[in-house]
Amino acid sequence: MLERLLQVEEPPVRILVAESDQIAGYAALTTDYSLWSGARYGHLDCLFVAKEYRGRGVGQILFLKVREEAHSAGCVRLEWQTPDWNCQATEFYRRNGAECLSKTRFVLQLDDG
């Protein structure tokens, strides 16, 4: 499904991949429009670094590239979420200047999957 999605003329997601001798990590960026702020924003859907590559700057590079991609797409801000138990991710984002905003996340399953 992802392969088909990325082959459309204007894919709804941008996937950045860090490679060494194998895939070291990846990040996925989508964009949306906020009626609240009246501006386009980027959503970092996922930033993942394989365990053996953590602490080597891979996450930093991916995060900076996502910021660049979002900015070049006309986004005025970047948003994402991470589980509150993921302390390493939380500290990583804070070190990179991110601010933590508390929200309640709701999920409503729309299919049987």
N, C-alpha and C. Protein backbone atom coordinates (compact mmCIF):
# COMPACT_ATOMS: atom_id res chain seq x y z
N MET A 1 0.82 -1.19 0.00
CA MET A 1 0.00 0.00 0.00
C MET A 1 0.87 1.27 0.00
N LEU A 2 1.95 1.24 0.78
CA LEU A 2 2.82 2.41 0.86
C LEU A 2 3.46 2.70 -0.49
N GLU A 3 3.89 1.66 -1.18
CA GLU A 3 4.51 1.84 -2.50
C GLU A 3 3.54 2.54 -3.46
N ARG A 4 2.29 2.08 -3.49
CA ARG A 4 1.28 2.72 -4.35
C ARG A 4 1.05 4.16 -3.94
N LEU A 5 0.98 4.40 -2.66
CA LEU A 5 0.74 5.74 -2.13
C LEU A 5 1.84 6.71 -2.55
N LEU A 6 3.08 6.25 -2.53
CA LEU A 6 4.20 7.12 -2.86
C LEU A 6 4.36 7.34 -4.36
N GLN A 7 3.64 6.59 -5.18
CA GLN A 7 3.76 6.73 -6.63
C GLN A 7 2.75 7.69 -7.24
N VAL A 8 1.82 8.21 -6.46
CA VAL A 8 0.87 9.17 -6.99
C VAL A 8 1.58 10.49 -7.26
N GLU A 9 0.97 11.33 -8.10
CA GLU A 9 1.62 12.57 -8.51
C GLU A 9 2.02 13.46 -7.32
N GLU A 10 1.13 13.63 -6.37
CA GLU A 10 1.45 14.39 -5.16
C GLU A 10 1.17 13.52 -3.94
N PRO A 11 2.14 12.71 -3.52
CA PRO A 11 1.92 11.81 -2.39
C PRO A 11 1.54 12.58 -1.12
N PRO A 12 0.62 12.04 -0.33
CA PRO A 12 0.20 12.72 0.90
C PRO A 12 1.19 12.58 2.05
N VAL A 13 2.28 11.84 1.82
CA VAL A 13 3.29 11.66 2.86
C VAL A 13 4.67 11.72 2.22
N ARG A 14 5.60 12.27 2.96
CA ARG A 14 7.00 12.28 2.54
C ARG A 14 7.74 11.39 3.52
N ILE A 15 8.51 10.45 2.98
CA ILE A 15 9.26 9.53 3.83
C ILE A 15 10.74 9.78 3.61
N LEU A 16 11.43 10.05 4.69
CA LEU A 16 12.88 10.27 4.65
C LEU A 16 13.53 9.04 5.26
N VAL A 17 14.56 8.54 4.61
CA VAL A 17 15.22 7.31 5.06
C VAL A 17 16.71 7.59 5.27
N ALA A 18 17.23 7.13 6.41
CA ALA A 18 18.66 7.20 6.68
C ALA A 18 19.23 5.80 6.47
N GLU A 19 20.26 5.71 5.64
CA GLU A 19 20.84 4.41 5.32
C GLU A 19 22.32 4.38 5.68
N SER A 20 22.77 3.22 6.04
CA SER A 20 24.18 2.93 6.21
C SER A 20 24.38 1.66 5.39
N ASP A 21 24.74 0.57 6.02
CA ASP A 21 24.75 -0.71 5.30
C ASP A 21 23.34 -1.32 5.32
N GLN A 22 22.45 -0.70 6.07
CA GLN A 22 21.04 -1.10 6.13
C GLN A 22 20.24 0.16 6.48
N ILE A 23 18.94 0.04 6.59
CA ILE A 23 18.14 1.21 6.97
C ILE A 23 18.41 1.50 8.45
N ALA A 24 18.91 2.71 8.70
CA ALA A 24 19.27 3.11 10.05
C ALA A 24 18.09 3.79 10.75
N GLY A 25 17.20 4.38 9.96
CA GLY A 25 16.05 5.06 10.52
C GLY A 25 15.20 5.67 9.43
N TYR A 26 14.05 6.19 9.85
CA TYR A 26 13.17 6.85 8.88
C TYR A 26 12.27 7.82 9.62
N ALA A 27 11.71 8.74 8.85
CA ALA A 27 10.74 9.70 9.37
C ALA A 27 9.67 9.89 8.31
N ALA A 28 8.44 10.12 8.76
CA ALA A 28 7.31 10.34 7.85
C ALA A 28 6.68 11.69 8.18
N LEU A 29 6.47 12.49 7.15
CA LEU A 29 5.90 13.82 7.29
C LEU A 29 4.65 13.95 6.45
N THR A 30 3.57 14.40 7.07
CA THR A 30 2.37 14.77 6.33
C THR A 30 2.11 16.25 6.59
N THR A 31 1.28 16.86 5.75
CA THR A 31 0.92 18.26 5.98
C THR A 31 -0.59 18.37 6.06
N ASP A 32 -1.03 19.39 6.75
CA ASP A 32 -2.45 19.64 6.91
C ASP A 32 -2.64 21.14 7.08
N TYR A 33 -3.90 21.56 7.14
CA TYR A 33 -4.22 22.97 7.30
C TYR A 33 -5.01 23.14 8.58
N SER A 34 -4.60 24.09 9.40
CA SER A 34 -5.28 24.35 10.66
C SER A 34 -6.22 25.54 10.52
N LEU A 35 -7.50 25.29 10.71
CA LEU A 35 -8.46 26.40 10.71
C LEU A 35 -8.23 27.28 11.93
N TRP A 36 -7.78 26.68 13.02
CA TRP A 36 -7.55 27.42 14.26
C TRP A 36 -6.51 28.52 14.06
N SER A 37 -5.41 28.18 13.40
CA SER A 37 -4.35 29.17 13.20
C SER A 37 -4.38 29.79 11.80
N GLY A 38 -5.15 29.19 10.91
CA GLY A 38 -5.22 29.71 9.55
C GLY A 38 -3.94 29.50 8.76
N ALA A 39 -3.26 28.39 9.02
CA ALA A 39 -1.99 28.15 8.34
C ALA A 39 -1.75 26.64 8.16
N ARG A 40 -0.88 26.34 7.21
CA ARG A 40 -0.48 24.95 6.97
C ARG A 40 0.53 24.54 8.04
N TYR A 41 0.42 23.29 8.48
CA TYR A 41 1.38 22.76 9.43
C TYR A 41 1.82 21.37 9.01
N GLY A 42 2.99 20.97 9.50
CA GLY A 42 3.50 19.64 9.24
C GLY A 42 3.22 18.73 10.42
N HIS A 43 3.00 17.47 10.12
CA HIS A 43 2.81 16.48 11.18
C HIS A 43 3.88 15.41 11.01
N LEU A 44 4.75 15.32 12.01
CA LEU A 44 5.76 14.28 12.03
C LEU A 44 5.06 13.01 12.51
N ASP A 45 4.69 12.17 11.56
CA ASP A 45 3.91 10.98 11.90
C ASP A 45 4.75 9.94 12.60
N CYS A 46 6.02 9.87 12.23
CA CYS A 46 6.88 8.86 12.83
C CYS A 46 8.34 9.27 12.65
N LEU A 47 9.12 9.09 13.68
CA LEU A 47 10.56 9.22 13.58
C LEU A 47 11.11 8.01 14.33
N PHE A 48 11.79 7.15 13.59
CA PHE A 48 12.29 5.91 14.17
C PHE A 48 13.75 5.74 13.80
N VAL A 49 14.56 5.36 14.79
CA VAL A 49 15.97 5.03 14.56
C VAL A 49 16.19 3.63 15.12
N ALA A 50 16.77 2.75 14.30
CA ALA A 50 17.06 1.39 14.74
C ALA A 50 17.98 1.43 15.96
N LYS A 51 17.77 0.51 16.86
CA LYS A 51 18.47 0.50 18.15
C LYS A 51 19.99 0.64 18.00
N GLU A 52 20.56 -0.08 17.06
CA GLU A 52 22.02 -0.06 16.90
C GLU A 52 22.56 1.28 16.36
N TYR A 53 21.67 2.17 15.90
CA TYR A 53 22.09 3.47 15.38
C TYR A 53 21.75 4.62 16.32
N ARG A 54 21.10 4.34 17.42
CA ARG A 54 20.72 5.39 18.36
C ARG A 54 21.97 5.95 19.04
N GLY A 55 21.92 7.26 19.28
CA GLY A 55 23.05 7.94 19.91
C GLY A 55 24.17 8.29 18.94
N ARG A 56 23.94 8.12 17.64
CA ARG A 56 24.98 8.38 16.63
C ARG A 56 24.62 9.56 15.73
N GLY A 57 23.56 10.30 16.08
CA GLY A 57 23.19 11.48 15.29
C GLY A 57 22.19 11.22 14.18
N VAL A 58 21.76 9.99 14.00
CA VAL A 58 20.82 9.66 12.92
C VAL A 58 19.48 10.36 13.15
N GLY A 59 18.98 10.29 14.38
CA GLY A 59 17.72 10.94 14.71
C GLY A 59 17.80 12.44 14.50
N GLN A 60 18.92 13.02 14.89
CA GLN A 60 19.12 14.46 14.73
C GLN A 60 19.06 14.87 13.26
N ILE A 61 19.72 14.11 12.42
CA ILE A 61 19.73 14.41 10.99
C ILE A 61 18.32 14.27 10.41
N LEU A 62 17.64 13.18 10.75
CA LEU A 62 16.28 13.00 10.25
C LEU A 62 15.36 14.12 10.71
N PHE A 63 15.47 14.50 11.99
CA PHE A 63 14.62 15.55 12.52
C PHE A 63 14.88 16.88 11.81
N LEU A 64 16.14 17.21 11.58
CA LEU A 64 16.46 18.45 10.86
C LEU A 64 15.94 18.42 9.43
N LYS A 65 16.03 17.27 8.77
CA LYS A 65 15.53 17.14 7.40
C LYS A 65 14.01 17.28 7.36
N VAL A 66 13.32 16.71 8.36
CA VAL A 66 11.87 16.85 8.43
C VAL A 66 11.50 18.32 8.59
N ARG A 67 12.22 19.02 9.45
CA ARG A 67 11.97 20.46 9.64
C ARG A 67 12.15 21.21 8.32
N GLU A 68 13.21 20.90 7.59
CA GLU A 68 13.46 21.54 6.30
C GLU A 68 12.34 21.24 5.30
N GLU A 69 11.93 19.97 5.24
CA GLU A 69 10.85 19.57 4.32
C GLU A 69 9.55 20.29 4.66
N ALA A 70 9.22 20.36 5.94
CA ALA A 70 7.99 21.04 6.36
C ALA A 70 8.05 22.52 6.00
N HIS A 71 9.18 23.14 6.27
CA HIS A 71 9.34 24.56 5.95
C HIS A 71 9.21 24.80 4.45
N SER A 72 9.85 23.95 3.65
CA SER A 72 9.79 24.13 2.19
C SER A 72 8.39 23.85 1.64
N ALA A 73 7.57 23.12 2.39
CA ALA A 73 6.18 22.86 1.98
C ALA A 73 5.24 23.99 2.42
N GLY A 74 5.80 25.03 3.03
CA GLY A 74 4.99 26.17 3.44
C GLY A 74 4.37 26.03 4.82
N CYS A 75 4.86 25.09 5.60
CA CYS A 75 4.32 24.90 6.96
C CYS A 75 4.91 25.93 7.91
N VAL A 76 4.05 26.44 8.80
CA VAL A 76 4.50 27.42 9.78
C VAL A 76 4.90 26.76 11.10
N ARG A 77 4.51 25.50 11.28
CA ARG A 77 4.91 24.78 12.49
C ARG A 77 4.93 23.29 12.20
N LEU A 78 5.54 22.56 13.10
CA LEU A 78 5.62 21.11 13.01
C LEU A 78 5.04 20.55 14.30
N GLU A 79 4.17 19.56 14.18
CA GLU A 79 3.55 18.94 15.34
C GLU A 79 3.81 17.44 15.29
N TRP A 80 3.79 16.82 16.46
CA TRP A 80 3.89 15.37 16.57
C TRP A 80 3.50 14.97 17.97
N GLN A 81 3.45 13.71 18.20
CA GLN A 81 3.18 13.20 19.54
C GLN A 81 4.06 12.00 19.79
N THR A 82 4.32 11.77 21.05
CA THR A 82 5.08 10.60 21.45
C THR A 82 4.48 10.11 22.77
N PRO A 83 4.50 8.83 23.00
CA PRO A 83 3.94 8.33 24.26
C PRO A 83 4.68 8.94 25.46
N ASP A 84 3.94 9.23 26.52
CA ASP A 84 4.57 9.87 27.68
C ASP A 84 5.60 8.98 28.36
N TRP A 85 5.55 7.67 28.13
CA TRP A 85 6.55 6.77 28.71
C TRP A 85 7.86 6.75 27.94
N ASN A 86 7.88 7.35 26.75
CA ASN A 86 9.09 7.34 25.91
C ASN A 86 9.99 8.51 26.30
N CYS A 87 10.66 8.37 27.43
CA CYS A 87 11.48 9.44 27.99
C CYS A 87 12.63 9.85 27.08
N GLN A 88 13.25 8.89 26.39
CA GLN A 88 14.36 9.23 25.48
C GLN A 88 13.87 10.15 24.37
N ALA A 89 12.72 9.84 23.79
CA ALA A 89 12.18 10.68 22.73
C ALA A 89 11.81 12.06 23.26
N THR A 90 11.18 12.10 24.43
CA THR A 90 10.78 13.37 25.02
C THR A 90 11.99 14.27 25.23
N GLU A 91 13.06 13.73 25.78
CA GLU A 91 14.27 14.52 26.00
C GLU A 91 14.92 14.95 24.68
N PHE A 92 14.92 14.05 23.70
CA PHE A 92 15.46 14.39 22.37
C PHE A 92 14.73 15.60 21.80
N TYR A 93 13.41 15.58 21.83
CA TYR A 93 12.64 16.68 21.27
C TYR A 93 12.86 17.98 22.05
N ARG A 94 12.94 17.89 23.35
CA ARG A 94 13.19 19.10 24.16
C ARG A 94 14.56 19.68 23.85
N ARG A 95 15.56 18.82 23.68
CA ARG A 95 16.91 19.30 23.33
C ARG A 95 16.90 20.01 21.98
N ASN A 96 15.94 19.67 21.13
CA ASN A 96 15.84 20.27 19.81
C ASN A 96 14.88 21.46 19.78
N GLY A 97 14.55 21.98 20.96
CA GLY A 97 13.77 23.20 21.04
C GLY A 97 12.27 23.03 21.03
N ALA A 98 11.78 21.81 21.11
CA ALA A 98 10.34 21.58 21.07
C ALA A 98 9.70 21.87 22.41
N GLU A 99 8.49 22.31 22.35
CA GLU A 99 7.69 22.60 23.54
C GLU A 99 6.63 21.52 23.67
N CYS A 100 6.41 21.03 24.88
CA CYS A 100 5.41 20.00 25.11
C CYS A 100 4.08 20.65 25.47
N LEU A 101 3.05 20.36 24.69
CA LEU A 101 1.70 20.86 24.96
C LEU A 101 0.83 19.70 25.38
N SER A 102 0.16 19.84 26.49
CA SER A 102 -0.72 18.77 26.97
C SER A 102 -2.05 18.80 26.21
N LYS A 103 -2.48 17.64 25.78
CA LYS A 103 -3.77 17.47 25.11
C LYS A 103 -4.30 16.10 25.48
N THR A 104 -5.55 15.91 25.29
CA THR A 104 -6.14 14.58 25.44
C THR A 104 -6.34 14.04 24.05
N ARG A 105 -5.82 12.88 23.80
CA ARG A 105 -5.91 12.26 22.48
C ARG A 105 -7.08 11.29 22.45
N PHE A 106 -7.95 11.46 21.48
CA PHE A 106 -9.09 10.58 21.29
C PHE A 106 -8.87 9.73 20.04
N VAL A 107 -9.35 8.51 20.09
CA VAL A 107 -9.29 7.61 18.95
C VAL A 107 -10.64 6.94 18.81
N LEU A 108 -11.13 6.87 17.59
CA LEU A 108 -12.39 6.20 17.29
C LEU A 108 -12.15 5.26 16.13
N GLN A 109 -12.19 3.98 16.37
CA GLN A 109 -11.98 3.00 15.29
C GLN A 109 -13.17 3.05 14.35
N LEU A 110 -12.89 3.11 13.05
CA LEU A 110 -13.93 3.20 12.04
C LEU A 110 -14.09 1.93 11.23
N ASP A 111 -13.23 0.95 11.49
CA ASP A 111 -13.34 -0.32 10.78
C ASP A 111 -13.04 -1.45 11.75
N ASP A 112 -13.08 -2.66 11.26
CA ASP A 112 -12.82 -3.82 12.12
C ASP A 112 -11.34 -4.08 12.33
N GLY A 113 -10.48 -3.38 11.57
CA GLY A 113 -9.04 -3.63 11.61
C GLY A 113 -8.43 -3.01 12.76
